[in-house]
Amino acid sequence: MKINFFKKIWYSIAKVGKYKDMKEEGLFSSIRYIIGIFALSAIMLAIVATIIQSNLINRIIDYMDQKLPEMTFKENKLSMEGEEDIILNDTIFKSAFNNIVIINPMLEEQEAINQYYNLAEEKYNAVVFLSDKYIVITTKYSPASDVGDGIEIHHYTDESSKYISDETKEYKKSDLISYFKGNKPWVMYIGQYFIIYLVSFTIIYSLYIIFIALTMWVTIKILKIKWEFKEAIMNTIYGSTLSIFSYTIYIIIGYFANFTIPFVDVIRILLIFIYLYIILIIEKRDKSANISNNK
């Protein structure tokens, strides 16, 4: 009688004595099980990451709404109320866009470069929006250089068609805010995070399982315990369950708090070895009990 997926989770964590029953379903069944565990962990992390992404976007929208003055973009020309430049360099904004953004449509190209080149950081570029173009300034730029390395110039006439369907329409600050509010494809975010975590867990834990199973198989051969390599793989797969879920919870906690555990990779491998050690003890006990009953 086949054991369902969720019962296998419970058995793998809390009832090591049931490993014998689960192994009777074969190697392919255990492989399907571990893929299901990877997928379950990945979807949990994808949902949490998407919620955090949503909160981040909302904070960025609020920041932009407070910081930006009234602006108008029409026929590839940008204009702005007031004469003071706008510098968007809040930590959350820089982390989201990987750039420091400056808006000053009143400056000419070279004036902007001379005025804002020192805002470019090692990790972030300075992007300056002028009336008819935007300039990307990197740390490679040096005022003493005549070559112009570290400066990228993009004209709105070349770029606007990618984002604007009607160039004759007048776009305002409210349209920009509405765009960011409406541009939240949650299904896409969840899908992207799910694939990232699924691939990550599959690669890392597959290597762990093969390495640990091989180590245990060699060890039991030395100890003259009868374990086939296939059996070592299955035991390691089921014994990895708590390690995977513990690591998943650790990542989730890390999303919300500045929380780290030293040698976390060693701990999650050690958890698997502990389960395998318990399996060995149980099988040795059962073997001794069978010998006693046969006497």
Foldseek 3Di string as FASTA:
>chain_A
DADDLVVLLCCLPPNLVCLVVNCVVDLVSLVVNLLVLLLVLLLVLLVLVLVLVVVLLVVVLVVCVVQAAKWKAALQFIDGPDQDKGWADPPSVCVVPVEIEIEGQVDDDVVCCVVCLVVADQRYWYWYHYTFWIKTAHPVDDPVDPPGPRIDIGGCVVPVVVPDVDRRDMDIPVNVSVCSVPPRPSVVSSVVSSVVSSVVCCVVVVVLLLVQLVVVVVVCVVVVDDDDSSNSSSLLSSQLSVLSVVVSVVVSVVSVDVDDDPPSVVVSSVSSVVSVVVSVVVVVVVVVVVVVVVD
